[in-house]
Protein backbone atom coordinates (compact mmCIF):
# COMPACT_ATOMS: atom_id res chain seq x y z
CA MET A 1 126.93 166.73 340.60
CA LEU A 2 130.17 165.29 339.42
CA MET A 3 130.89 164.01 342.90
CA LYS A 4 127.46 162.42 343.28
CA LYS A 5 127.67 160.87 339.81
CA SER A 6 131.15 159.55 340.58
CA PHE A 7 130.01 158.25 343.94
CA GLY A 8 127.11 156.49 342.24
CA ARG A 9 129.47 154.76 339.89
CA VAL A 10 131.69 153.68 342.79
CA PHE A 11 128.68 152.38 344.74
CA LEU A 12 127.38 150.35 341.80
CA THR A 13 130.78 148.89 341.18
CA ALA A 14 131.14 147.89 344.83
CA ALA A 15 127.75 146.23 344.79
CA ALA A 16 128.72 144.24 341.74
CA VAL A 17 131.91 143.16 343.48
CA VAL A 18 129.96 142.00 346.55
CA VAL A 19 127.64 139.94 344.35
CA LEU A 20 130.60 138.46 342.54
CA VAL A 21 132.39 137.59 345.78
CA LEU A 22 129.27 135.96 347.19
CA ALA A 23 128.78 133.95 344.00
CA VAL A 24 132.33 132.66 344.21
CA CYS A 25 132.49 132.02 347.95
CA ILE A 26 129.05 130.52 348.54
CA PRO A 27 128.80 127.03 347.03
CA ALA A 28 125.83 125.96 344.94
CA GLN A 29 122.97 124.54 346.96
CA SER A 30 123.73 120.99 348.01
CA LYS A 31 121.50 118.34 346.48
CA THR A 32 122.35 115.17 348.36
CA PHE A 33 120.51 112.03 347.31
CA LYS A 34 120.34 109.22 349.88
CA TRP A 35 119.04 105.77 349.04
CA ALA A 36 119.07 102.17 350.24
CA PHE A 37 118.80 98.71 348.75
CA GLN A 38 118.37 95.42 350.63
CA SER A 39 121.99 94.44 349.96
CA ASP A 40 125.29 95.93 348.87
CA ALA A 41 126.95 95.83 345.48
CA GLY A 42 129.16 92.76 345.39
CA SER A 43 132.23 94.69 344.28
CA MET A 44 133.30 97.94 342.67
CA ASP A 45 134.93 95.80 339.97
CA PRO A 46 132.08 95.28 337.48
CA TYR A 47 133.74 92.17 336.02
CA THR A 48 133.57 90.23 339.28
CA MET A 49 129.85 89.53 339.38
CA ASN A 50 127.16 89.26 336.69
CA ASN A 51 124.61 90.56 339.14
CA THR A 52 121.99 93.25 338.55
CA MET A 53 122.77 95.24 341.69
CA THR A 54 126.52 95.22 341.10
CA LEU A 55 126.27 96.08 337.40
CA GLY A 56 123.53 98.67 337.91
CA PHE A 57 125.43 100.34 340.72
CA THR A 58 128.78 100.47 338.92
CA ALA A 59 127.04 101.79 335.78
CA ASN A 60 127.04 105.16 337.51
CA VAL A 61 130.86 105.07 337.42
CA TYR A 62 131.75 102.98 334.37
CA GLU A 63 130.36 103.08 330.84
CA GLY A 64 130.14 100.78 327.85
CA LEU A 65 130.29 101.43 324.14
CA VAL A 66 126.48 101.66 324.19
CA ARG A 67 123.86 102.30 326.86
CA HIS A 68 120.10 102.25 327.35
CA ALA A 69 117.90 105.28 326.85
CA LYS A 70 114.91 105.75 329.16
CA ASP A 71 112.74 103.64 326.83
CA GLU A 72 115.32 100.79 327.07
CA SER A 73 116.47 101.31 323.48
CA ILE A 74 120.17 101.20 322.60
CA GLU A 75 121.96 104.52 322.16
CA PRO A 76 125.60 105.61 321.78
CA SER A 77 127.84 105.99 324.81
CA LEU A 78 131.63 105.61 324.52
CA ALA A 79 131.02 104.77 320.87
CA THR A 80 129.42 107.52 318.80
CA GLY A 81 128.38 105.23 315.98
CA TRP A 82 128.81 101.84 314.33
CA GLU A 83 128.22 99.94 311.11
CA THR A 84 128.56 96.39 309.85
CA ILE A 85 131.20 96.50 307.12
CA GLN A 86 131.00 92.71 306.72
CA PRO A 87 128.45 90.24 308.13
CA ASP A 88 130.89 89.42 310.95
CA VAL A 89 132.72 92.77 311.28
CA TRP A 90 131.35 95.78 313.15
CA ARG A 91 133.23 99.08 312.94
CA PHE A 92 132.85 101.32 315.99
CA ASN A 93 133.78 104.99 316.09
CA LEU A 94 134.91 105.82 319.63
CA ARG A 95 134.05 109.08 321.33
CA LYS A 96 136.93 111.55 321.27
CA ASN A 97 138.22 113.71 324.13
CA VAL A 98 136.84 111.40 326.82
CA THR A 99 138.89 110.95 329.98
CA PHE A 100 138.77 108.54 332.88
CA HIS A 101 138.26 109.98 336.36
CA ASP A 102 142.02 110.22 336.91
CA GLY A 103 142.37 112.39 333.78
CA SER A 104 143.90 109.75 331.51
CA PRO A 105 142.50 109.57 327.95
CA PHE A 106 140.08 106.89 326.78
CA THR A 107 141.33 105.12 323.63
CA ALA A 108 140.93 101.97 321.58
CA ASP A 109 143.61 100.31 323.70
CA ASP A 110 141.27 100.44 326.71
CA VAL A 111 138.52 98.70 324.76
CA ILE A 112 140.80 95.88 323.64
CA PHE A 113 142.20 95.52 327.16
CA SER A 114 138.68 95.42 328.63
CA TRP A 115 137.61 92.72 326.19
CA LYS A 116 140.60 90.54 327.12
CA ARG A 117 139.89 91.16 330.80
CA ALA A 118 136.21 90.28 330.28
CA ILE A 119 137.07 86.84 328.88
CA SER A 120 139.81 86.15 331.44
CA LYS A 121 139.61 83.36 334.01
CA GLY A 122 138.02 85.22 336.94
CA SER A 123 135.61 87.37 334.94
CA ASP A 124 131.86 86.89 335.23
CA MET A 125 131.35 89.05 332.12
CA LYS A 126 132.11 86.33 329.59
CA SER A 127 128.52 85.94 328.43
CA PHE A 128 128.32 89.63 327.46
CA VAL A 129 131.17 89.27 324.98
CA ALA A 130 130.63 85.62 324.01
CA GLY A 131 129.91 86.57 320.41
CA ILE A 132 133.19 88.45 319.95
CA LYS A 133 136.01 86.59 318.21
CA ASP A 134 138.53 89.44 318.15
CA ILE A 135 138.87 93.23 318.37
CA LYS A 136 141.30 95.07 316.10
CA LYS A 137 142.52 98.61 316.53
CA ILE A 138 142.24 100.80 313.42
CA ASP A 139 143.41 103.92 315.24
CA ASP A 140 143.00 105.44 318.71
CA ASN A 141 139.35 106.24 318.00
CA THR A 142 138.30 103.36 315.76
CA ILE A 143 137.99 99.62 316.31
CA ASP A 144 136.66 96.63 314.43
CA ILE A 145 134.81 93.99 316.43
CA ILE A 146 134.96 90.63 314.67
CA THR A 147 132.14 88.32 315.70
CA LYS A 148 131.78 84.56 315.52
CA GLY A 149 129.70 84.72 312.36
CA PRO A 150 126.75 87.09 311.94
CA TRP A 151 125.74 88.33 315.40
CA PRO A 152 122.64 90.57 315.28
CA LEU A 153 122.48 90.77 319.08
CA LEU A 154 125.92 92.33 319.53
CA LEU A 155 124.67 95.74 320.70
CA ASN A 156 122.23 94.16 323.16
CA ASP A 157 124.90 91.83 324.50
CA ILE A 158 127.57 94.46 325.17
CA PHE A 159 125.22 96.89 326.91
CA ARG A 160 126.54 95.97 330.38
CA TRP A 161 130.16 95.41 329.31
CA TYR A 162 131.95 98.40 330.81
CA ILE A 163 135.29 99.79 329.67
CA MET A 164 138.10 99.91 332.22
CA PRO A 165 141.41 101.80 331.88
CA LYS A 166 144.31 99.62 330.78
CA LYS A 167 147.13 101.56 332.46
CA TRP A 168 145.28 102.05 335.76
CA CYS A 169 144.55 98.32 336.02
CA GLU A 170 148.15 97.49 335.19
CA ASP A 171 149.54 100.03 337.66
CA ASN A 172 147.25 98.81 340.44
CA ASN A 173 147.66 95.06 340.04
CA SER A 174 144.09 94.68 338.78
CA VAL A 175 144.60 93.13 335.35
CA GLU A 176 143.22 89.86 336.68
CA VAL A 177 139.67 89.69 338.02
CA SER A 178 139.06 88.46 341.55
CA VAL A 179 137.10 85.21 341.24
CA MET A 180 133.73 85.40 342.97
CA THR A 181 133.94 82.86 345.77
CA SER A 182 133.51 83.07 349.51
CA THR A 183 137.30 82.90 349.91
CA SER A 184 138.29 85.17 347.00
CA GLU A 185 141.02 87.73 347.46
CA GLU A 186 140.37 91.37 346.68
CA THR A 187 142.25 93.43 344.13
CA TYR A 188 142.63 97.21 344.09
CA ALA A 189 139.62 97.39 341.74
CA THR A 190 137.40 95.70 344.32
CA ARG A 191 137.13 98.90 346.38
CA HIS A 192 138.43 101.57 344.00
CA THR A 193 137.18 102.80 340.64
CA ASN A 194 138.34 104.75 337.61
CA GLY A 195 135.63 105.04 335.02
CA THR A 196 134.46 107.56 332.46
CA GLY A 197 130.91 107.76 333.85
CA PRO A 198 128.83 110.58 335.33
CA PHE A 199 129.79 109.85 338.95
CA MET A 200 133.05 109.16 340.78
CA LEU A 201 133.62 107.07 343.87
CA LYS A 202 134.35 109.27 346.88
CA SER A 203 134.41 106.61 349.60
CA ARG A 204 133.60 102.94 349.99
CA GLU A 205 132.78 101.01 353.16
CA PRO A 206 131.43 97.60 352.06
CA GLN A 207 128.15 96.68 353.76
CA VAL A 208 128.09 100.11 355.44
CA LYS A 209 128.08 103.11 353.10
CA THR A 210 129.25 104.17 349.64
CA VAL A 211 129.46 107.81 348.56
CA MET A 212 129.68 109.12 344.99
CA VAL A 213 130.07 112.64 343.61
CA PRO A 214 129.59 114.05 340.10
CA ASN A 215 132.36 113.71 337.54
CA PRO A 216 133.10 117.36 336.59
CA ASN A 217 134.67 116.25 333.30
CA TRP A 218 131.93 113.94 332.08
CA TRP A 219 131.55 114.11 328.32
CA ASP A 220 127.72 114.17 328.31
CA LYS A 221 125.28 116.90 329.28
CA ARG A 222 123.98 116.53 332.84
CA ILE A 223 120.26 116.45 333.46
CA ASP A 224 120.52 115.46 337.13
CA ASN A 225 121.25 117.94 339.92
CA VAL A 226 122.78 115.54 342.47
CA THR A 227 125.84 116.95 344.22
CA GLU A 228 126.44 113.89 346.39
CA ALA A 229 124.92 110.40 346.33
CA VAL A 230 124.99 108.33 349.51
CA PHE A 231 124.10 104.64 349.37
CA THR A 232 123.41 102.48 352.42
CA PRO A 233 122.61 98.75 352.25
CA ILE A 234 119.77 97.92 354.66
CA LYS A 235 118.73 94.29 354.81
CA SER A 236 115.72 94.76 357.10
CA ALA A 237 112.62 95.78 355.15
CA ALA A 238 111.07 97.41 358.21
CA THR A 239 114.20 99.48 358.83
CA ARG A 240 114.29 100.63 355.19
CA VAL A 241 110.70 101.83 355.34
CA ALA A 242 111.21 103.54 358.70
CA SER A 243 114.30 105.32 357.38
CA LEU A 244 112.36 106.55 354.37
CA LEU A 245 109.44 107.85 356.41
CA SER A 246 111.75 109.55 358.92
CA GLY A 247 113.38 111.55 356.14
CA GLU A 248 116.71 109.83 356.64
CA LEU A 249 116.49 108.43 353.11
CA ASP A 250 115.10 109.81 349.86
CA MET A 251 114.43 106.45 348.24
CA ILE A 252 114.39 102.72 349.03
CA TYR A 253 114.05 99.55 346.99
CA PRO A 254 112.56 97.13 347.07
CA LEU A 255 109.59 98.59 348.88
CA PRO A 256 107.99 95.65 350.73
CA ILE A 257 104.76 94.58 349.08
CA GLN A 258 102.86 94.93 352.33
CA ASP A 259 103.90 98.60 352.62
CA VAL A 260 102.94 99.79 349.12
CA ALA A 261 99.43 100.90 350.10
CA ARG A 262 100.74 102.61 353.22
CA ILE A 263 103.32 104.63 351.26
CA LYS A 264 100.73 105.64 348.68
CA LYS A 265 98.50 107.01 351.42
CA THR A 266 101.26 108.91 353.20
CA ALA A 267 101.57 112.57 352.19
CA GLY A 268 104.95 113.45 350.76
CA TYR A 269 105.78 109.96 349.50
CA GLN A 270 105.31 107.90 346.37
CA ALA A 271 105.30 104.21 345.46
CA ILE A 272 106.80 103.53 342.04
CA GLU A 273 105.70 100.21 340.55
CA GLY A 274 106.23 98.21 337.38
CA MET A 275 106.99 94.77 335.95
CA GLU A 276 110.58 93.64 336.29
CA VAL A 277 112.35 91.67 333.57
CA ARG A 278 113.57 89.20 336.20
CA THR A 279 112.23 85.65 336.38
CA VAL A 280 112.58 83.78 339.68
CA PHE A 281 113.01 80.03 339.27
CA LEU A 282 114.17 76.77 340.86
CA GLY A 283 117.10 74.76 339.53
CA PHE A 284 118.19 71.14 340.04
CA ASP A 285 121.45 69.21 340.08
CA THR A 286 120.80 66.92 337.13
CA SER A 287 124.44 66.01 336.43
CA ARG A 288 125.88 64.17 339.45
CA ASP A 289 125.36 60.46 339.87
CA GLU A 290 124.59 61.08 343.55
CA LEU A 291 123.21 64.29 345.04
CA LEU A 292 125.36 66.16 347.53
CA PHE A 293 122.48 67.02 349.83
CA SER A 294 119.90 64.23 349.92
CA ASP A 295 119.19 60.97 351.72
CA VAL A 296 119.12 59.11 348.39
CA LYS A 297 122.44 57.29 348.04
CA GLY A 298 123.99 55.77 344.95
CA LYS A 299 121.81 57.61 342.47
CA ASN A 300 120.34 60.98 341.61
CA PRO A 301 116.53 61.15 341.55
CA LEU A 302 116.65 64.54 339.81
CA LYS A 303 118.03 62.95 336.65
CA ASP A 304 114.53 61.53 336.13
CA VAL A 305 112.19 63.97 334.37
CA ARG A 306 109.25 62.35 336.22
CA VAL A 307 110.71 63.45 339.55
CA ARG A 308 111.33 66.99 338.28
CA LYS A 309 107.81 67.22 336.93
CA ALA A 310 106.41 65.85 340.19
CA MET A 311 108.18 68.64 342.07
CA TYR A 312 106.86 71.20 339.55
CA GLN A 313 103.25 70.03 339.87
CA ALA A 314 103.44 69.99 343.67
CA ILE A 315 103.94 73.79 343.69
CA ASP A 316 100.79 75.89 343.95
CA ILE A 317 101.96 79.01 342.13
CA ASP A 318 98.59 80.73 342.57
CA ALA A 319 98.93 80.45 346.34
CA ILE A 320 102.43 81.96 346.16
CA HIS A 321 101.10 84.73 343.91
CA LYS A 322 98.20 85.60 346.22
CA LYS A 323 99.56 84.94 349.70
CA ILE A 324 103.32 85.43 349.47
CA MET A 325 103.51 88.02 346.69
CA ARG A 326 100.13 89.66 347.45
CA GLY A 327 99.35 89.79 343.76
CA ALA A 328 102.65 91.51 342.86
CA SER A 329 103.96 88.82 340.51
CA TRP A 330 103.27 87.26 337.13
CA PRO A 331 103.25 83.41 337.33
CA ALA A 332 105.57 82.01 334.64
CA ALA A 333 106.01 78.86 332.60
CA LEU A 334 109.09 80.15 330.77
CA MET A 335 112.44 81.46 331.94
CA ILE A 336 111.58 84.88 330.47
CA GLY A 337 108.66 87.27 330.78
CA SER A 338 106.48 89.06 328.26
CA ASN A 339 108.77 92.12 328.26
CA ILE A 340 111.69 90.11 326.84
CA ASN A 341 112.40 89.61 323.13
CA GLY A 342 111.63 86.00 322.15
CA PHE A 343 108.73 85.50 324.55
CA ASP A 344 106.14 83.04 323.20
CA PRO A 345 102.72 83.41 324.88
CA GLU A 346 101.59 80.00 323.63
CA LEU A 347 104.35 78.32 325.62
CA ASN A 348 103.76 80.36 328.76
CA LYS A 349 101.24 77.93 330.22
CA ARG A 350 102.29 76.13 333.39
CA PHE A 351 101.86 72.44 334.08
CA PRO A 352 98.83 72.25 336.38
CA PHE A 353 99.13 72.18 340.14
CA ASP A 354 98.27 68.54 340.91
CA PRO A 355 99.66 66.94 344.12
CA GLU A 356 98.05 63.59 343.32
CA GLU A 357 99.78 63.51 339.94
CA SER A 358 103.02 64.41 341.72
CA LYS A 359 102.65 61.41 344.03
CA ARG A 360 101.88 59.15 341.06
CA LEU A 361 104.98 60.35 339.17
CA LEU A 362 107.19 59.88 342.23
CA ALA A 363 105.92 56.33 342.74
CA GLU A 364 106.39 55.56 339.05
CA ALA A 365 109.97 56.85 339.26
CA GLY A 366 110.67 54.57 342.26
CA TYR A 367 110.18 57.02 345.13
CA PRO A 368 106.72 56.23 346.57
CA GLU A 369 107.80 57.54 349.98
CA GLY A 370 109.58 60.55 348.52
CA PHE A 371 113.07 61.60 349.67
CA SER A 372 114.86 64.46 351.42
CA ILE A 373 116.76 67.31 349.81
CA VAL A 374 118.26 70.70 350.75
CA LEU A 375 116.98 73.84 349.04
CA ASP A 376 119.56 76.65 348.83
CA THR A 377 117.94 80.08 348.88
CA PRO A 378 118.96 83.69 349.42
CA ASN A 379 117.15 85.61 352.14
CA ASP A 380 117.95 89.16 351.02
CA ARG A 381 118.00 89.25 347.23
CA TYR A 382 114.57 88.83 345.64
CA VAL A 383 111.15 89.96 346.78
CA ASN A 384 110.14 87.59 349.60
CA ASP A 385 112.77 85.07 348.50
CA GLU A 386 112.99 83.16 351.77
CA SER A 387 109.20 83.14 352.17
CA ILE A 388 108.82 81.75 348.65
CA SER A 389 111.29 78.97 349.45
CA GLN A 390 109.52 78.20 352.71
CA ALA A 391 106.25 77.88 350.81
CA VAL A 392 107.86 75.62 348.19
CA ALA A 393 109.30 73.41 350.94
CA ALA A 394 105.90 73.10 352.62
CA MET A 395 104.21 72.19 349.32
CA LEU A 396 106.83 69.58 348.46
CA SER A 397 106.45 68.00 351.89
CA LYS A 398 102.81 67.26 351.09
CA VAL A 399 103.88 64.88 348.31
CA GLY A 400 106.63 63.24 350.35
CA ILE A 401 109.67 65.34 349.49
CA LYS A 402 111.18 66.56 352.73
CA CYS A 403 112.86 69.82 351.85
CA LYS A 404 115.29 71.46 354.28
CA LEU A 405 116.00 75.14 353.73
CA ASN A 406 119.51 76.57 353.65
CA ALA A 407 118.79 80.32 353.67
CA GLN A 408 121.80 82.62 353.46
CA THR A 409 122.67 86.19 352.61
CA ARG A 410 123.03 86.74 348.88
CA SER A 411 126.84 86.82 348.76
CA LYS A 412 127.15 83.43 350.47
CA HIS A 413 124.28 81.97 348.48
CA PHE A 414 125.67 83.04 345.10
CA ALA A 415 129.18 81.90 345.96
CA LYS A 416 127.83 78.50 346.98
CA ILE A 417 125.64 77.77 343.99
CA ALA A 418 128.06 79.33 341.47
CA SER A 419 130.56 76.66 342.46
CA MET A 420 127.82 74.06 341.84
CA ASP A 421 127.82 73.14 345.54
CA THR A 422 124.07 72.57 345.49
CA SER A 423 121.35 70.02 344.79
CA PHE A 424 118.34 72.31 344.56
CA TYR A 425 118.36 76.11 344.46
CA LEU A 426 116.39 79.32 344.03
CA LEU A 427 117.72 81.93 341.62
CA GLY A 428 116.44 84.95 339.73
CA TRP A 429 117.65 86.23 336.37
CA ALA A 430 117.16 89.57 334.63
CA PRO A 431 118.49 89.41 331.05
CA MET A 432 120.47 92.62 330.66
CA SER A 433 120.15 92.42 326.88
CA PHE A 434 116.34 92.26 327.13
CA ASP A 435 116.59 89.20 324.89
CA MET A 436 115.92 85.57 325.79
CA HIS A 437 119.36 84.46 324.61
CA ASN A 438 120.98 86.05 327.67
CA THR A 439 118.85 83.99 330.06
CA TYR A 440 119.12 80.69 328.24
CA PHE A 441 122.83 81.09 327.46
CA ASN A 442 123.65 81.72 331.12
CA ASN A 443 121.17 79.42 332.86
CA VAL A 444 120.15 76.64 330.46
CA MET A 445 123.10 75.82 328.22
CA THR A 446 125.46 73.12 329.49
CA ASN A 447 127.81 74.60 332.09
CA GLY A 448 131.06 75.34 330.28
CA THR A 449 133.23 74.10 333.12
CA THR A 450 132.07 70.55 332.46
CA ILE A 451 132.78 70.27 328.72
CA SER A 452 135.60 70.90 326.27
CA ASN A 453 135.59 73.96 323.96
CA PRO A 454 132.66 75.85 325.49
CA GLN A 455 131.82 79.41 324.52
CA PRO A 456 133.14 81.98 327.01
CA GLY A 457 130.62 82.22 329.85
CA GLN A 458 128.42 79.38 328.59
CA GLY A 459 126.12 78.12 331.33
CA ASN A 460 127.94 80.14 333.99
CA TRP A 461 124.80 80.22 336.14
CA ASN A 462 123.47 76.81 335.20
CA CYS A 463 124.37 75.79 338.73
CA GLY A 464 122.89 72.29 338.56
CA ASN A 465 124.32 71.71 335.06
CA TYR A 466 121.12 70.82 333.25
CA SER A 467 122.34 69.61 329.87
CA ASN A 468 120.47 68.93 326.65
CA PRO A 469 122.56 68.83 323.44
CA GLU A 470 119.58 69.76 321.27
CA VAL A 471 118.85 72.85 323.38
CA ASP A 472 122.54 73.83 323.24
CA LYS A 473 122.49 73.50 319.46
CA LEU A 474 119.37 75.64 319.11
CA ILE A 475 120.65 78.38 321.44
CA ASN A 476 123.82 78.56 319.38
CA ALA A 477 121.83 78.67 316.14
CA MET A 478 119.61 81.56 317.22
CA THR A 479 122.58 83.89 317.67
CA SER A 480 123.42 84.07 313.97
CA GLU A 481 119.91 84.00 312.49
CA ILE A 482 119.10 87.48 311.18
CA ASP A 483 115.57 86.73 309.93
CA PRO A 484 113.21 87.55 312.88
CA ALA A 485 110.59 84.94 311.97
CA LYS A 486 113.12 82.15 311.50
CA ARG A 487 114.88 83.14 314.71
CA GLN A 488 111.61 82.98 316.65
CA GLU A 489 111.02 79.45 315.36
CA ILE A 490 114.39 78.39 316.74
CA VAL A 491 113.77 80.24 320.01
CA SER A 492 110.35 78.69 320.55
CA LYS A 493 111.64 75.20 319.80
CA ALA A 494 114.45 75.58 322.34
CA MET A 495 112.09 76.89 325.01
CA LYS A 496 109.57 74.11 324.41
CA ILE A 497 112.18 71.36 324.72
CA HIS A 498 113.49 72.87 327.95
CA LYS A 499 109.98 73.32 329.32
CA ASP A 500 108.89 69.75 328.51
CA ASP A 501 112.14 68.46 329.97
CA VAL A 502 111.51 70.43 333.18
CA GLY A 503 115.09 71.65 333.07
CA HIS A 504 114.11 74.27 335.66
CA ILE A 505 110.91 75.30 337.42
CA PRO A 506 110.01 78.91 336.53
CA LEU A 507 107.99 80.55 339.29
CA HIS A 508 107.21 84.15 338.37
CA GLN A 509 108.33 87.56 337.23
CA GLN A 510 108.40 89.77 340.29
CA ALA A 511 107.03 93.29 340.45
CA LEU A 512 109.22 96.33 340.79
CA SER A 513 108.34 98.33 343.87
CA TRP A 514 110.27 101.42 344.92
CA GLY A 515 109.43 103.92 347.63
CA ALA A 516 110.53 107.53 347.46
CA SER A 517 110.01 110.99 348.84
CA ASP A 518 108.07 113.26 346.50
CA LYS A 519 111.05 115.62 346.74
CA VAL A 520 112.95 113.45 344.29
CA THR A 521 112.30 112.41 340.71
CA VAL A 522 113.68 109.02 339.69
CA HIS A 523 113.40 106.83 336.61
CA GLN A 524 112.52 103.18 337.20
CA SER A 525 114.20 100.82 334.74
CA ALA A 526 112.62 97.44 334.03
CA ASP A 527 115.87 95.74 335.01
CA ASN A 528 115.60 97.20 338.53
CA THR A 529 118.70 99.39 338.27
CA LEU A 530 119.01 102.98 339.44
CA SER A 531 120.75 105.57 337.24
CA LEU A 532 121.84 108.65 339.16
CA ARG A 533 122.06 110.61 335.90
CA TRP A 534 118.26 110.70 335.77
CA ILE A 535 117.64 111.90 339.33
CA THR A 536 116.62 115.37 340.42
CA VAL A 537 116.28 116.55 344.01
CA LYS A 538 114.00 119.46 344.90
């Protein structure tokens, strides 16, 4: 009996050892998530490009003081809390015991360094920190942000301002930001990362493949189960859909409008739809005395509001909505949509489509036969962007404006128009703050490169340099107004002046359309960004 009892104990112990060995030696089940977008992130340096794809992608690696919750509200991130100790002073308590991916500690010095980097010459992040006058270190875990007067939008503005490690940037010659141009030189931060976020960069092959893995030392509690995330840029819509349906990918975006019904009917797949915060619009060069790309010499027809309005009223937005967008758009009269703070429904009424009125306005302005112009457009950034531009060109031709398309991949297009090398262009803008100020500050205020003493980032994407001093004054005034009703009065006045002046031609808010396997659960943000921390794979 003793021998059998002893043997039983030995057997049970051995079994426990086998289980333990198997648990240690056999890795947890792999949960690889594979997805594709129509283009690549512009850089792994989030300060290089104020672009939704680039900022959304790098948000998986880098973090800001605050972040968005699933309902788009602001919640703590690298800051655990904040308070206004004076109307223009915000005290932030920084999260303790946070490390960057290389193991170095996150401190107040990194925040101050990141602010200085964000307002430096090559940075495209200036608009996110435009309201900040200075940042003072209280101790390693406390800072005071001094704003340029009362700044109620501070938390919204800094949502996409990510914190980068001071020492790592210094050690890797990445203190300066690589300017976003077609001939820009890369820095170490262009292809390498060192954030505090939930995922770390494993490998990077621009325009080919980028792989990320979980950060084992992330400060927050994980709710995702992704063990490896593999991103592939695929420009061709047909190829993206085929890759999804073959099982090669778990998710794609955008899902082409024409394929939504097909995906919905296919077992094992889902179409995820919603309204994006992005407005797609047309911009003009209204600053030069002679257009760069037109047959009109010695003057600029786009300086005349009658010509701009004629172009506006020649565009049949309902036809674009029905035929090009297949109903997946919301025609717009403002530069923001109804899901953005500051939206005024009374102002969101377009000038009527009226080709005859367009011809009358052109003749009145001195162009009875019209003129020629080049329209710069991306062909891989927005939903049906090139098709929209083709339709606009065809409509303008009917009133005498011969419009030649210059369609390019997004990187070339953005580099071209950002340097103001354009006469007429298509652009889309998603205000990361979910407030109208972001859109109008970046796209409507006078371009800061053309005036003295601009705010950092002012008019960075006002690529035709529309300029109206009254609009500039109102946009500045709205930033410090803390009374919601009074602020809305200022906002509405600014939007009405810009609308009546036809500073730009808003087209529509586009629909979000993602396609995914039903084996994955994803959260669709209204700004069309994908957060890996909310993904689960069955």
